[in-house]
PDB file of N, CA and C in Angstrom:
ATOM      1  N   MET A   1     115.263  69.698 124.174  1.00  0.00           N
ATOM      2  CA  MET A   1     114.175  69.420 125.039  1.00  0.00           C
ATOM      3  C   MET A   1     113.253  68.362 123.711  1.00  0.00           C
ATOM      4  N   ASN A   2     112.991  69.294 122.263  1.00  0.00           N
ATOM      5  CA  ASN A   2     112.116  68.926 121.568  1.00  0.00           C
ATOM      6  C   ASN A   2     113.176  67.083 121.200  1.00  0.00           C
ATOM      7  N   VAL A   3     114.463  67.008 121.134  1.00  0.00           N
ATOM      8  CA  VAL A   3     115.215  65.792 121.480  1.00  0.00           C
ATOM      9  C   VAL A   3     114.845  65.097 122.321  1.00  0.00           C
ATOM     10  N   LEU A   4     114.921  65.009 123.345  1.00  0.00           N
ATOM     11  CA  LEU A   4     113.976  64.533 124.244  1.00  0.00           C
ATOM     12  C   LEU A   4     112.243  63.945 123.828  1.00  0.00           C
ATOM     13  N   LYS A   5     111.560  65.046 123.883  1.00  0.00           N
ATOM     14  CA  LYS A   5     110.332  64.601 123.426  1.00  0.00           C
ATOM     15  C   LYS A   5     110.040  63.286 122.298  1.00  0.00           C
ATOM     16  N   GLN A   6     111.089  63.801 121.216  1.00  0.00           N
ATOM     17  CA  GLN A   6     111.120  63.354 119.998  1.00  0.00           C
ATOM     18  C   GLN A   6     111.452  61.375 120.462  1.00  0.00           C
ATOM     19  N   TYR A   7     112.713  61.387 121.587  1.00  0.00           N
ATOM     20  CA  TYR A   7     113.024  60.695 121.424  1.00  0.00           C
ATOM     21  C   TYR A   7     111.799  59.666 122.518  1.00  0.00           C
ATOM     22  N   ILE A   8     110.868  60.261 123.173  1.00  0.00           N
ATOM     23  CA  ILE A   8     109.890  59.659 124.629  1.00  0.00           C
ATOM     24  C   ILE A   8     108.835  59.127 123.234  1.00  0.00           C
ATOM     25  N   ASN A   9     108.379  60.254 122.220  1.00  0.00           N
ATOM     26  CA  ASN A   9     107.417  59.629 121.321  1.00  0.00           C
ATOM     27  C   ASN A   9     107.519  58.541 120.761  1.00  0.00           C
ATOM     28  N   SER A  10     108.768  58.312 120.265  1.00  0.00           N
ATOM     29  CA  SER A  10     109.143  57.220 119.614  1.00  0.00           C
ATOM     30  C   SER A  10     109.500  55.797 120.340  1.00  0.00           C
ATOM     31  N   GLY A  11     109.470  56.152 121.785  1.00  0.00           N
ATOM     32  CA  GLY A  11     109.873  54.942 122.802  1.00  0.00           C
ATOM     33  C   GLY A  11     108.888  53.567 122.615  1.00  0.00           C
ATOM     34  N   SER A  12     109.332  52.917 122.694  1.00  0.00           N
ATOM     35  CA  SER A  12     108.242  51.332 122.286  1.00  0.00           C
ATOM     36  C   SER A  12     107.964  50.724 123.753  1.00  0.00           C
ATOM     37  N   SER A  13     108.735  51.249 124.778  1.00  0.00           N
ATOM     38  CA  SER A  13     108.361  50.742 126.097  1.00  0.00           C
ATOM     39  C   SER A  13     107.927  51.649 126.897  1.00  0.00           C
ATOM     40  N   VAL A  14     107.779  51.388 127.922  1.00  0.00           N
ATOM     41  CA  VAL A  14     107.231  52.499 128.994  1.00  0.00           C
ATOM     42  C   VAL A  14     108.883  52.961 129.990  1.00  0.00           C
ATOM     43  N   GLY A  15     109.553  51.634 129.867  1.00  0.00           N
ATOM     44  CA  GLY A  15     110.540  51.726 130.364  1.00  0.00           C
ATOM     45  C   GLY A  15     111.602  52.951 129.815  1.00  0.00           C
ATOM     46  N   GLU A  16     111.513  52.068 128.268  1.00  0.00           N
ATOM     47  CA  GLU A  16     112.567  53.015 126.817  1.00  0.00           C
ATOM     48  C   GLU A  16     112.348  54.687 127.316  1.00  0.00           C
ATOM     49  N   LYS A  17     110.491  55.541 127.285  1.00  0.00           N
ATOM     50  CA  LYS A  17     110.326  56.239 127.865  1.00  0.00           C
ATOM     51  C   LYS A  17     110.671  56.580 128.744  1.00  0.00           C
ATOM     52  N   ALA A  18     110.398  55.868 130.379  1.00  0.00           N
ATOM     53  CA  ALA A  18     111.149  56.584 131.549  1.00  0.00           C
ATOM     54  C   ALA A  18     112.879  57.307 131.460  1.00  0.00           C
ATOM     55  N   LYS A  19     113.419  56.720 130.391  1.00  0.00           N
ATOM     56  CA  LYS A  19     114.635  57.010 130.636  1.00  0.00           C
ATOM     57  C   LYS A  19     115.096  58.816 130.311  1.00  0.00           C
ATOM     58  N   TYR A  20     114.055  58.574 128.809  1.00  0.00           N
ATOM     59  CA  TYR A  20     114.109  60.121 128.180  1.00  0.00           C
ATOM     60  C   TYR A  20     113.698  60.978 129.058  1.00  0.00           C
ATOM     61  N   ALA A  21     112.182  60.327 129.728  1.00  0.00           N
ATOM     62  CA  ALA A  21     111.338  61.538 131.107  1.00  0.00           C
ATOM     63  C   ALA A  21     112.182  61.824 132.006  1.00  0.00           C
ATOM     64  N   GLU A  22     113.383  61.110 132.030  1.00  0.00           N
ATOM     65  CA  GLU A  22     113.689  61.344 133.669  1.00  0.00           C
ATOM     66  C   GLU A  22     114.977  62.070 132.841  1.00  0.00           C
ATOM     67  N   GLU A  23     115.563  62.551 131.899  1.00  0.00           N
ATOM     68  CA  GLU A  23     116.112  63.946 131.563  1.00  0.00           C
ATOM     69  C   GLU A  23     115.188  64.634 131.146  1.00  0.00           C
ATOM     70  N   LEU A  24     113.975  64.795 130.880  1.00  0.00           N
ATOM     71  CA  LEU A  24     113.185  65.727 130.475  1.00  0.00           C
ATOM     72  C   LEU A  24     112.915  66.372 131.526  1.00  0.00           C
ATOM     73  N   MET A  25     112.227  66.320 132.335  1.00  0.00           N
ATOM     74  CA  MET A  25     112.349  66.167 133.638  1.00  0.00           C
ATOM     75  C   MET A  25     113.295  67.152 134.196  1.00  0.00           C
ATOM     76  N   VAL A  26     114.966  66.739 134.251  1.00  0.00           N
ATOM     77  CA  VAL A  26     115.641  67.978 135.159  1.00  0.00           C
ATOM     78  C   VAL A  26     115.660  69.180 134.223  1.00  0.00           C
ATOM     79  N   GLU A  27     115.673  68.940 132.608  1.00  0.00           N
ATOM     80  CA  GLU A  27     115.283  69.650 132.201  1.00  0.00           C
ATOM     81  C   GLU A  27     114.476  71.024 132.166  1.00  0.00           C
ATOM     82  N   ALA A  28     113.450  70.353 132.682  1.00  0.00           N
ATOM     83  CA  ALA A  28     112.146  71.610 132.461  1.00  0.00           C
ATOM     84  C   ALA A  28     112.291  72.006 134.193  1.00  0.00           C
ATOM     85  N   ALA A  29     112.584  71.165 134.959  1.00  0.00           N
ATOM     86  CA  ALA A  29     112.936  71.955 136.578  1.00  0.00           C
ATOM     87  C   ALA A  29     114.105  72.711 136.456  1.00  0.00           C
ATOM     88  N   SER A  30     115.030  72.945 135.477  1.00  0.00           N
ATOM     89  CA  SER A  30     116.095  73.827 135.635  1.00  0.00           C
ATOM     90  C   SER A  30     115.663  74.927 135.233  1.00  0.00           C
ATOM     91  N   LEU A  31     114.504  75.096 134.304  1.00  0.00           N
ATOM     92  CA  LEU A  31     113.976  76.429 133.403  1.00  0.00           C
ATOM     93  C   LEU A  31     112.663  76.596 134.283  1.00  0.00           C
ATOM     94  N   LEU A  32     111.842  75.805 135.334  1.00  0.00           N
ATOM     95  CA  LEU A  32     111.034  76.383 136.510  1.00  0.00           C
ATOM     96  C   LEU A  32     112.019  77.202 137.357  1.00  0.00           C
ATOM     97  N   LYS A  33     113.360  76.750 137.814  1.00  0.00           N
ATOM     98  CA  LYS A  33     114.304  77.397 138.654  1.00  0.00           C
ATOM     99  C   LYS A  33     115.099  78.387 138.017  1.00  0.00           C
ATOM    100  N   CYS A  34     115.004  79.247 136.856  1.00  0.00           N
ATOM    101  CA  CYS A  34     115.055  79.914 136.334  1.00  0.00           C
ATOM    102  C   CYS A  34     115.359  81.195 137.192  1.00  0.00           C
ATOM    103  N   THR A  35     117.022  81.887 137.445  1.00  0.00           N
ATOM    104  CA  THR A  35     116.606  83.017 138.089  1.00  0.00           C
ATOM    105  C   THR A  35     116.597  84.321 137.200  1.00  0.00           C
ATOM    106  N   MET A  36     116.656  84.667 136.100  1.00  0.00           N
ATOM    107  CA  MET A  36     116.264  85.565 135.247  1.00  0.00           C
ATOM    108  C   MET A  36     114.725  85.852 135.039  1.00  0.00           C
ATOM    109  N   TYR A  37     114.226  85.096 135.419  1.00  0.00           N
ATOM    110  CA  TYR A  37     112.848  84.861 135.628  1.00  0.00           C
ATOM    111  C   TYR A  37     111.817  86.352 135.447  1.00  0.00           C
ATOM    112  N   GLU A  38     110.841  87.354 135.029  1.00  0.00           N
ATOM    113  CA  GLU A  38     110.462  87.977 135.119  1.00  0.00           C
ATOM    114  C   GLU A  38     108.938  88.066 134.782  1.00  0.00           C
ATOM    115  N   ASP A  39     108.222  88.012 136.299  1.00  0.00           N
ATOM    116  CA  ASP A  39     106.696  87.778 136.020  1.00  0.00           C
ATOM    117  C   ASP A  39     106.080  88.838 134.493  1.00  0.00           C
ATOM    118  N   GLN A  40     106.524  89.665 134.400  1.00  0.00           N
ATOM    119  CA  GLN A  40     105.657  90.785 133.643  1.00  0.00           C
ATOM    120  C   GLN A  40     106.012  90.064 132.302  1.00  0.00           C
ATOM    121  N   ASN A  41     107.132  89.558 132.203  1.00  0.00           N
ATOM    122  CA  ASN A  41     107.744  89.037 130.945  1.00  0.00           C
ATOM    123  C   ASN A  41     106.833  87.440 130.132  1.00  0.00           C
ATOM    124  N   LEU A  42     106.285  88.369 129.384  1.00  0.00           N
ATOM    125  CA  LEU A  42     105.394  87.614 128.394  1.00  0.00           C
ATOM    126  C   LEU A  42     106.036  86.206 128.375  1.00  0.00           C
ATOM    127  N   ASP A  43     107.439  86.597 127.597  1.00  0.00           N
ATOM    128  CA  ASP A  43     108.012  85.159 127.294  1.00  0.00           C
ATOM    129  C   ASP A  43     108.462  84.627 128.496  1.00  0.00           C
ATOM    130  N   CYS A  44     108.810  85.109 129.765  1.00  0.00           N
ATOM    131  CA  CYS A  44     109.164  84.152 130.561  1.00  0.00           C
ATOM    132  C   CYS A  44     107.986  83.048 131.251  1.00  0.00           C
ATOM    133  N   ASN A  45     106.159  83.880 130.778  1.00  0.00           N
ATOM    134  CA  ASN A  45     105.007  83.249 131.770  1.00  0.00           C
ATOM    135  C   ASN A  45     104.952  82.191 130.725  1.00  0.00           C
ATOM    136  N   ILE A  46     105.178  81.913 129.119  1.00  0.00           N
ATOM    137  CA  ILE A  46     105.005  80.972 128.394  1.00  0.00           C
ATOM    138  C   ILE A  46     106.060  80.191 128.313  1.00  0.00           C
ATOM    139  N   CYS A  47     106.810  80.650 128.953  1.00  0.00           N
ATOM    140  CA  CYS A  47     108.530  79.482 128.874  1.00  0.00           C
ATOM    141  C   CYS A  47     108.214  78.708 130.136  1.00  0.00           C
ATOM    142  N   ARG A  48     107.935  79.271 131.183  1.00  0.00           N
ATOM    143  CA  ARG A  48     107.620  78.739 132.420  1.00  0.00           C
ATOM    144  C   ARG A  48     106.415  77.630 132.716  1.00  0.00           C
ATOM    145  N   MET A  49     105.293  78.421 132.079  1.00  0.00           N
ATOM    146  CA  MET A  49     104.155  77.451 131.636  1.00  0.00           C
ATOM    147  C   MET A  49     104.090  75.739 130.818  1.00  0.00           C
ATOM    148  N   ILE A  50     105.214  75.787 129.568  1.00  0.00           N
ATOM    149  CA  ILE A  50     105.005  74.893 129.096  1.00  0.00           C
ATOM    150  C   ILE A  50     106.386  73.963 129.641  1.00  0.00           C
ATOM    151  N   ALA A  51     107.527  74.754 130.646  1.00  0.00           N
ATOM    152  CA  ALA A  51     108.263  73.644 131.178  1.00  0.00           C
ATOM    153  C   ALA A  51     107.654  73.432 132.191  1.00  0.00           C
ATOM    154  N   GLY A  52     106.825  73.374 132.973  1.00  0.00           N
ATOM    155  CA  GLY A  52     105.694  72.995 133.813  1.00  0.00           C
ATOM    156  C   GLY A  52     104.607  71.883 133.295  1.00  0.00           C
ATOM    157  N   LEU A  53     103.985  71.692 131.724  1.00  0.00           N
ATOM    158  CA  LEU A  53     103.837  71.073 131.350  1.00  0.00           C
ATOM    159  C   LEU A  53     104.413  69.837 130.863  1.00  0.00           C
ATOM    160  N   HIS A  54     106.189  70.136 130.488  1.00  0.00           N
ATOM    161  CA  HIS A  54     106.629  69.055 130.328  1.00  0.00           C
ATOM    162  C   HIS A  54     107.377  68.636 131.653  1.00  0.00           C
ATOM    163  N   HIS A  55     107.483  68.785 132.836  1.00  0.00           N
ATOM    164  CA  HIS A  55     107.568  68.495 134.092  1.00  0.00           C
ATOM    165  C   HIS A  55     106.481  67.199 134.009  1.00  0.00           C
ATOM    166  N   LYS A  56     105.315  68.041 133.938  1.00  0.00           N
ATOM    167  CA  LYS A  56     103.831  67.169 134.204  1.00  0.00           C
ATOM    168  C   LYS A  56     103.971  65.784 133.500  1.00  0.00           C
ATOM    169  N   THR A  57     104.456  65.742 132.136  1.00  0.00           N
ATOM    170  CA  THR A  57     104.721  64.870 131.279  1.00  0.00           C
ATOM    171  C   THR A  57     105.676  64.138 131.744  1.00  0.00           C
ATOM    172  N   ALA A  58     106.653  64.308 132.354  1.00  0.00           N
ATOM    173  CA  ALA A  58     107.998  63.378 132.969  1.00  0.00           C
ATOM    174  C   ALA A  58     107.655  62.445 133.690  1.00  0.00           C
ATOM    175  N   GLU A  59     106.513  63.804 134.589  1.00  0.00           N
ATOM    176  CA  GLU A  59     106.108  62.708 136.174  1.00  0.00           C
ATOM    177  C   GLU A  59     105.322  61.678 136.046  1.00  0.00           C
ATOM    178  N   LEU A  60     104.244  61.810 134.792  1.00  0.00           N
ATOM    179  CA  LEU A  60     103.194  60.925 134.831  1.00  0.00           C
ATOM    180  C   LEU A  60     104.182  59.303 133.982  1.00  0.00           C
ATOM    181  N   ILE A  61     105.063  59.884 133.268  1.00  0.00           N
ATOM    182  CA  ILE A  61     105.673  58.768 132.694  1.00  0.00           C
ATOM    183  C   ILE A  61     106.236  57.228 133.418  1.00  0.00           C
ATOM    184  N   LEU A  62     107.046  58.844 133.976  1.00  0.00           N
ATOM    185  CA  LEU A  62     107.637  57.840 135.312  1.00  0.00           C
ATOM    186  C   LEU A  62     106.438  56.929 136.564  1.00  0.00           C
ATOM    187  N   LYS A  63     105.668  57.633 136.476  1.00  0.00           N
ATOM    188  CA  LYS A  63     104.471  57.032 137.524  1.00  0.00           C
ATOM    189  C   LYS A  63     104.226  55.747 136.595  1.00  0.00           C
ATOM    190  N   ALA A  64     103.724  55.772 135.875  1.00  0.00           N
ATOM    191  CA  ALA A  64     103.343  54.760 134.666  1.00  0.00           C
ATOM    192  C   ALA A  64     104.428  53.655 134.804  1.00  0.00           C
ATOM    193  N   LYS A  65     105.885  54.188 134.301  1.00  0.00           N
ATOM    194  CA  LYS A  65     107.107  52.855 134.639  1.00  0.00           C
ATOM    195  C   LYS A  65     106.728  52.014 135.791  1.00  0.00           C
ATOM    196  N   CYS A  66     106.574  52.524 136.990  1.00  0.00           N
ATOM    197  CA  CYS A  66     106.041  52.210 138.561  1.00  0.00           C
ATOM    198  C   CYS A  66     105.003  51.020 138.108  1.00  0.00           C
ATOM    199  N   LEU A  67     103.782  51.580 137.792  1.00  0.00           N
ATOM    200  CA  LEU A  67     103.063  50.675 137.773  1.00  0.00           C
ATOM    201  C   LEU A  67     103.155  49.678 136.992  1.00  0.00           C
ATOM    202  N   SER A  68     103.806  49.951 136.118  1.00  0.00           N
ATOM    203  CA  SER A  68     103.951  48.702 134.970  1.00  0.00           C
ATOM    204  C   SER A  68     104.916  47.941 135.615  1.00  0.00           C
ATOM    205  N   GLN A  69     105.461  48.245 136.848  1.00  0.00           N
ATOM    206  CA  GLN A  69     106.404  46.872 137.655  1.00  0.00           C
ATOM    207  C   GLN A  69     106.105  45.934 138.643  1.00  0.00           C
TER     208      GLN A  69
END
């Protein structure tokens, strides 16, 4: 995920960022659907929270791409 975030941050256009945002969304979604999630585990809660933020970030980038077209 960190590599994807670096690519997104270094992208010069919304279209370029969107390409990596789609990949970020897929990775974040897989973490949000983790079958080993334990609601009493602090690490799981933090992981899910961060994955949720990444997913929302990717959604915003993809919406910005749609608006720019």
